Amino acid sequence: MRRIMYSKLVLIGLFFLLLVIGKATYTLYLKQQKGAEILNRTRVELVTVEEHQTTLRAKMDRLSTELGVEEEIREKFDLAKPGENVIVMVDKEATVTAPIEEKSWWRSFWSWLGF
């Protein structure tokens, strides 16, 4: 029995069985890692969606009042009630000076050639 168990054919068979089991285990490990990554990404998306939902609910609550609707209309369309005046404030124009770029003689030569 010992001679059969330690024969080369049995050892080679056991080695191949070990390889097959090892490959299956590694494949399952990779799938588990990918699943964990997808789960983490989904959790982040869930938190983002919940924050967006909270923001939308707050906006809906504000728009459910007459004052909130009025504020939204005034903000979107720059409207005023009869008898009110609208003041538009404009910033002074900012002057920007671009730095003068000095070209090297090499760039000047290539631009003279049309490149």
N, C-alpha and C. Protein backbone atom coordinates (compact mmCIF):
# COMPACT_ATOMS: atom_id res chain seq x y z
N MET A 1 0.83 -1.19 0.00
CA MET A 1 0.00 0.00 0.00
C MET A 1 0.87 1.26 0.00
N ARG A 2 1.93 1.19 0.79
CA ARG A 2 2.84 2.33 0.87
C ARG A 2 3.50 2.58 -0.48
N ARG A 3 3.83 1.51 -1.15
CA ARG A 3 4.49 1.62 -2.45
C ARG A 3 3.56 2.29 -3.47
N ILE A 4 2.30 1.99 -3.42
CA ILE A 4 1.32 2.59 -4.33
C ILE A 4 1.11 4.07 -3.99
N MET A 5 1.01 4.39 -2.70
CA MET A 5 0.76 5.76 -2.26
C MET A 5 1.91 6.70 -2.61
N TYR A 6 3.14 6.23 -2.58
CA TYR A 6 4.30 7.06 -2.88
C TYR A 6 4.80 6.89 -4.30
N SER A 7 4.01 6.27 -5.15
CA SER A 7 4.45 6.11 -6.53
C SER A 7 4.38 7.46 -7.25
N LYS A 8 5.16 7.60 -8.30
CA LYS A 8 5.23 8.85 -9.05
C LYS A 8 3.88 9.22 -9.65
N LEU A 9 3.15 8.27 -10.12
CA LEU A 9 1.86 8.53 -10.75
C LEU A 9 0.88 9.13 -9.73
N VAL A 10 0.82 8.62 -8.54
CA VAL A 10 -0.08 9.15 -7.52
C VAL A 10 0.36 10.54 -7.09
N LEU A 11 1.67 10.73 -6.93
CA LEU A 11 2.17 12.06 -6.53
C LEU A 11 1.90 13.10 -7.61
N ILE A 12 2.06 12.73 -8.87
CA ILE A 12 1.76 13.66 -9.96
C ILE A 12 0.27 13.98 -9.98
N GLY A 13 -0.56 12.96 -9.77
CA GLY A 13 -2.01 13.19 -9.71
C GLY A 13 -2.38 14.11 -8.56
N LEU A 14 -1.78 13.91 -7.41
CA LEU A 14 -2.05 14.79 -6.26
C LEU A 14 -1.57 16.22 -6.53
N PHE A 15 -0.46 16.36 -7.22
CA PHE A 15 0.06 17.68 -7.56
C PHE A 15 -0.93 18.41 -8.48
N PHE A 16 -1.43 17.74 -9.50
CA PHE A 16 -2.40 18.36 -10.40
C PHE A 16 -3.70 18.68 -9.66
N LEU A 17 -4.12 17.82 -8.74
CA LEU A 17 -5.30 18.10 -7.94
C LEU A 17 -5.08 19.35 -7.08
N LEU A 18 -3.89 19.49 -6.55
CA LEU A 18 -3.54 20.68 -5.77
C LEU A 18 -3.58 21.93 -6.65
N LEU A 19 -3.08 21.83 -7.88
CA LEU A 19 -3.14 22.97 -8.80
C LEU A 19 -4.57 23.37 -9.11
N VAL A 20 -5.43 22.41 -9.38
CA VAL A 20 -6.82 22.70 -9.70
C VAL A 20 -7.52 23.36 -8.52
N ILE A 21 -7.31 22.83 -7.33
CA ILE A 21 -7.92 23.41 -6.13
C ILE A 21 -7.36 24.81 -5.87
N GLY A 22 -6.06 24.98 -6.08
CA GLY A 22 -5.44 26.29 -5.89
C GLY A 22 -5.98 27.32 -6.86
N LYS A 23 -6.17 26.93 -8.12
CA LYS A 23 -6.72 27.86 -9.12
C LYS A 23 -8.14 28.24 -8.77
N ALA A 24 -8.94 27.27 -8.35
CA ALA A 24 -10.32 27.56 -7.96
C ALA A 24 -10.36 28.51 -6.76
N THR A 25 -9.48 28.28 -5.81
CA THR A 25 -9.42 29.15 -4.63
C THR A 25 -9.02 30.57 -5.02
N TYR A 26 -8.04 30.71 -5.88
CA TYR A 26 -7.59 32.03 -6.33
C TYR A 26 -8.70 32.75 -7.10
N THR A 27 -9.43 32.01 -7.94
CA THR A 27 -10.54 32.61 -8.69
C THR A 27 -11.61 33.12 -7.73
N LEU A 28 -11.93 32.34 -6.71
CA LEU A 28 -12.90 32.79 -5.71
C LEU A 28 -12.40 34.01 -4.96
N TYR A 29 -11.11 34.06 -4.67
CA TYR A 29 -10.53 35.22 -3.99
C TYR A 29 -10.67 36.47 -4.85
N LEU A 30 -10.38 36.35 -6.15
CA LEU A 30 -10.51 37.51 -7.04
C LEU A 30 -11.96 37.98 -7.11
N LYS A 31 -12.90 37.04 -7.18
CA LYS A 31 -14.31 37.41 -7.22
C LYS A 31 -14.73 38.11 -5.93
N GLN A 32 -14.21 37.64 -4.80
CA GLN A 32 -14.53 38.27 -3.52
C GLN A 32 -13.99 39.69 -3.47
N GLN A 33 -12.78 39.89 -3.96
CA GLN A 33 -12.19 41.23 -3.99
C GLN A 33 -13.00 42.17 -4.87
N LYS A 34 -13.41 41.68 -6.03
CA LYS A 34 -14.21 42.50 -6.95
C LYS A 34 -15.56 42.83 -6.32
N GLY A 35 -16.16 41.85 -5.65
CA GLY A 35 -17.43 42.09 -4.97
C GLY A 35 -17.30 43.12 -3.87
N ALA A 36 -16.21 43.06 -3.12
CA ALA A 36 -15.98 44.03 -2.05
C ALA A 36 -15.79 45.43 -2.62
N GLU A 37 -15.11 45.53 -3.75
CA GLU A 37 -14.91 46.82 -4.41
C GLU A 37 -16.24 47.39 -4.89
N ILE A 38 -17.07 46.55 -5.48
CA ILE A 38 -18.38 46.99 -5.96
C ILE A 38 -19.25 47.42 -4.78
N LEU A 39 -19.18 46.68 -3.68
CA LEU A 39 -19.94 47.02 -2.48
C LEU A 39 -19.53 48.39 -1.94
N ASN A 40 -18.23 48.64 -1.87
CA ASN A 40 -17.75 49.94 -1.38
C ASN A 40 -18.20 51.07 -2.30
N ARG A 41 -18.10 50.86 -3.61
CA ARG A 41 -18.52 51.88 -4.56
C ARG A 41 -20.03 52.15 -4.43
N THR A 42 -20.80 51.09 -4.23
CA THR A 42 -22.24 51.23 -4.08
C THR A 42 -22.59 51.97 -2.80
N ARG A 43 -21.84 51.70 -1.73
CA ARG A 43 -22.08 52.42 -0.48
C ARG A 43 -21.82 53.91 -0.64
N VAL A 44 -20.77 54.26 -1.35
CA VAL A 44 -20.46 55.68 -1.58
C VAL A 44 -21.58 56.31 -2.41
N GLU A 45 -22.03 55.61 -3.43
CA GLU A 45 -23.13 56.14 -4.26
C GLU A 45 -24.40 56.30 -3.43
N LEU A 46 -24.67 55.36 -2.52
CA LEU A 46 -25.85 55.44 -1.67
C LEU A 46 -25.79 56.68 -0.78
N VAL A 47 -24.63 56.94 -0.20
CA VAL A 47 -24.48 58.13 0.64
C VAL A 47 -24.70 59.40 -0.19
N THR A 48 -24.17 59.42 -1.40
CA THR A 48 -24.35 60.58 -2.28
C THR A 48 -25.82 60.78 -2.62
N VAL A 49 -26.50 59.70 -2.95
CA VAL A 49 -27.92 59.79 -3.30
C VAL A 49 -28.75 60.23 -2.09
N GLU A 50 -28.40 59.71 -0.91
CA GLU A 50 -29.13 60.12 0.30
C GLU A 50 -28.93 61.60 0.59
N GLU A 51 -27.71 62.11 0.39
CA GLU A 51 -27.47 63.55 0.59
C GLU A 51 -28.25 64.36 -0.42
N HIS A 52 -28.28 63.90 -1.66
CA HIS A 52 -29.04 64.60 -2.70
C HIS A 52 -30.52 64.58 -2.37
N GLN A 53 -31.02 63.45 -1.87
CA GLN A 53 -32.42 63.33 -1.49
C GLN A 53 -32.75 64.29 -0.36
N THR A 54 -31.86 64.41 0.61
CA THR A 54 -32.07 65.34 1.72
C THR A 54 -32.14 66.78 1.22
N THR A 55 -31.24 67.11 0.30
CA THR A 55 -31.23 68.45 -0.28
C THR A 55 -32.53 68.73 -1.03
N LEU A 56 -32.97 67.76 -1.82
CA LEU A 56 -34.21 67.94 -2.58
C LEU A 56 -35.42 68.05 -1.67
N ARG A 57 -35.45 67.26 -0.59
CA ARG A 57 -36.57 67.36 0.35
C ARG A 57 -36.60 68.74 1.01
N ALA A 58 -35.43 69.26 1.37
CA ALA A 58 -35.38 70.59 1.98
C ALA A 58 -35.87 71.64 0.99
N LYS A 59 -35.49 71.48 -0.27
CA LYS A 59 -35.94 72.43 -1.30
C LYS A 59 -37.44 72.30 -1.52
N MET A 60 -37.96 71.07 -1.50
CA MET A 60 -39.41 70.87 -1.65
C MET A 60 -40.16 71.48 -0.48
N ASP A 61 -39.62 71.32 0.73
CA ASP A 61 -40.27 71.92 1.90
C ASP A 61 -40.29 73.44 1.79
N ARG A 62 -39.20 74.00 1.29
CA ARG A 62 -39.14 75.46 1.12
C ARG A 62 -40.12 75.91 0.05
N LEU A 63 -40.25 75.13 -1.02
CA LEU A 63 -41.15 75.51 -2.11
C LEU A 63 -42.62 75.22 -1.77
N SER A 64 -42.87 74.52 -0.70
CA SER A 64 -44.26 74.26 -0.33
C SER A 64 -44.89 75.47 0.37
N THR A 65 -44.09 76.47 0.71
CA THR A 65 -44.62 77.69 1.32
C THR A 65 -44.68 78.79 0.26
N GLU A 66 -45.54 79.76 0.48
CA GLU A 66 -45.70 80.86 -0.47
C GLU A 66 -44.44 81.71 -0.52
N LEU A 67 -43.82 81.90 0.63
CA LEU A 67 -42.59 82.70 0.69
C LEU A 67 -41.47 82.02 -0.09
N GLY A 68 -41.37 80.69 0.03
CA GLY A 68 -40.33 79.95 -0.70
C GLY A 68 -40.53 80.03 -2.21
N VAL A 69 -41.78 79.94 -2.66
CA VAL A 69 -42.06 80.05 -4.10
C VAL A 69 -41.69 81.43 -4.59
N GLU A 70 -42.04 82.45 -3.82
CA GLU A 70 -41.72 83.82 -4.20
C GLU A 70 -40.21 84.03 -4.30
N GLU A 71 -39.47 83.52 -3.32
CA GLU A 71 -38.01 83.66 -3.35
C GLU A 71 -37.41 82.97 -4.57
N GLU A 72 -37.93 81.79 -4.90
CA GLU A 72 -37.41 81.05 -6.04
C GLU A 72 -37.68 81.79 -7.34
N ILE A 73 -38.88 82.33 -7.48
CA ILE A 73 -39.23 83.08 -8.70
C ILE A 73 -38.37 84.32 -8.81
N ARG A 74 -38.18 85.03 -7.71
CA ARG A 74 -37.34 86.24 -7.75
C ARG A 74 -35.89 85.89 -8.11
N GLU A 75 -35.41 84.79 -7.56
CA GLU A 75 -34.02 84.39 -7.82
C GLU A 75 -33.83 83.97 -9.28
N LYS A 76 -34.76 83.18 -9.81
CA LYS A 76 -34.60 82.64 -11.16
C LYS A 76 -34.82 83.69 -12.24
N PHE A 77 -35.81 84.55 -12.05
CA PHE A 77 -36.23 85.43 -13.14
C PHE A 77 -35.95 86.90 -12.88
N ASP A 78 -35.30 87.26 -11.78
CA ASP A 78 -35.00 88.65 -11.44
C ASP A 78 -36.25 89.53 -11.53
N LEU A 79 -37.32 89.11 -10.90
CA LEU A 79 -38.58 89.84 -10.91
C LEU A 79 -38.73 90.66 -9.64
N ALA A 80 -39.58 91.68 -9.74
CA ALA A 80 -39.88 92.51 -8.58
C ALA A 80 -41.40 92.71 -8.54
N LYS A 81 -41.92 92.93 -7.34
CA LYS A 81 -43.34 93.21 -7.19
C LYS A 81 -43.62 94.62 -7.68
N PRO A 82 -44.85 94.88 -8.01
CA PRO A 82 -45.20 96.26 -8.41
C PRO A 82 -44.85 97.23 -7.28
N GLY A 83 -44.17 98.30 -7.66
CA GLY A 83 -43.75 99.30 -6.68
C GLY A 83 -42.34 99.07 -6.17
N GLU A 84 -41.74 97.93 -6.47
CA GLU A 84 -40.36 97.66 -6.06
C GLU A 84 -39.42 97.98 -7.22
N ASN A 85 -38.21 98.28 -6.90
CA ASN A 85 -37.19 98.53 -7.91
C ASN A 85 -36.11 97.45 -7.80
N VAL A 86 -35.53 97.14 -8.94
CA VAL A 86 -34.46 96.15 -8.97
C VAL A 86 -33.16 96.88 -9.16
N ILE A 87 -32.20 96.59 -8.33
CA ILE A 87 -30.88 97.18 -8.45
C ILE A 87 -29.91 96.09 -8.86
N VAL A 88 -29.18 96.35 -9.94
CA VAL A 88 -28.19 95.39 -10.43
C VAL A 88 -26.83 96.01 -10.18
N MET A 89 -26.01 95.31 -9.43
CA MET A 89 -24.66 95.81 -9.14
C MET A 89 -23.67 95.09 -10.02
N VAL A 90 -22.82 95.86 -10.66
CA VAL A 90 -21.84 95.30 -11.57
C VAL A 90 -20.45 95.65 -11.05
N ASP A 91 -19.58 94.66 -11.03
CA ASP A 91 -18.20 94.91 -10.60
C ASP A 91 -17.47 95.71 -11.66
N LYS A 92 -16.45 96.44 -11.21
CA LYS A 92 -15.61 97.15 -12.17
C LYS A 92 -14.89 96.13 -13.04
N GLU A 93 -14.65 96.52 -14.26
CA GLU A 93 -13.94 95.61 -15.15
C GLU A 93 -12.50 95.48 -14.70
N ALA A 94 -12.08 94.29 -14.57
CA ALA A 94 -10.70 94.06 -14.17
C ALA A 94 -9.82 94.06 -15.42
N THR A 95 -8.71 94.77 -15.30
CA THR A 95 -7.79 94.79 -16.44
C THR A 95 -6.72 93.75 -16.19
N VAL A 96 -6.52 92.94 -17.19
CA VAL A 96 -5.53 91.88 -17.08
C VAL A 96 -4.49 92.12 -18.16
N THR A 97 -3.25 92.13 -17.72
CA THR A 97 -2.17 92.29 -18.69
C THR A 97 -1.46 90.96 -18.81
N ALA A 98 -1.35 90.51 -20.01
CA ALA A 98 -0.66 89.24 -20.25
C ALA A 98 0.83 89.50 -20.33
N PRO A 99 1.62 88.66 -19.73
CA PRO A 99 3.07 88.85 -19.81
C PRO A 99 3.53 88.63 -21.26
N ILE A 100 4.47 89.45 -21.65
CA ILE A 100 5.02 89.35 -23.00
C ILE A 100 5.97 88.17 -23.04
N GLU A 101 5.72 87.30 -23.98
CA GLU A 101 6.53 86.10 -24.10
C GLU A 101 7.68 86.39 -25.07
N GLU A 102 8.89 86.24 -24.57
CA GLU A 102 10.04 86.44 -25.43
C GLU A 102 10.38 85.13 -26.11
N LYS A 103 10.48 85.20 -27.42
CA LYS A 103 10.79 84.00 -28.18
C LYS A 103 12.30 83.89 -28.35
N SER A 104 12.74 82.67 -28.29
CA SER A 104 14.15 82.46 -28.55
C SER A 104 14.38 82.55 -30.06
N TRP A 105 15.64 82.69 -30.45
CA TRP A 105 15.94 82.83 -31.88
C TRP A 105 15.52 81.58 -32.63
N TRP A 106 15.54 80.42 -31.92
CA TRP A 106 15.16 79.15 -32.54
C TRP A 106 13.67 79.14 -32.87
N ARG A 107 12.83 79.60 -31.94
CA ARG A 107 11.38 79.66 -32.18
C ARG A 107 11.06 80.70 -33.26
N SER A 108 11.77 81.82 -33.22
CA SER A 108 11.55 82.83 -34.24
C SER A 108 11.88 82.29 -35.63
N PHE A 109 12.95 81.54 -35.72
CA PHE A 109 13.34 80.94 -37.00
C PHE A 109 12.27 79.98 -37.50
N TRP A 110 11.76 79.11 -36.61
CA TRP A 110 10.75 78.13 -37.02
C TRP A 110 9.43 78.82 -37.38
N SER A 111 9.06 79.88 -36.65
CA SER A 111 7.83 80.58 -36.99
C SER A 111 8.01 81.33 -38.32
N TRP A 112 9.22 81.78 -38.63
CA TRP A 112 9.47 82.45 -39.90
C TRP A 112 9.31 81.45 -41.06
N LEU A 113 9.69 80.18 -40.79
CA LEU A 113 9.55 79.14 -41.82
C LEU A 113 8.09 78.66 -41.94
N GLY A 114 7.26 79.01 -40.98
CA GLY A 114 5.86 78.64 -41.06
C GLY A 114 5.51 77.41 -40.25
N PHE A 115 6.35 77.01 -39.34
CA PHE A 115 6.07 75.83 -38.50
C PHE A 115 5.59 76.25 -37.14
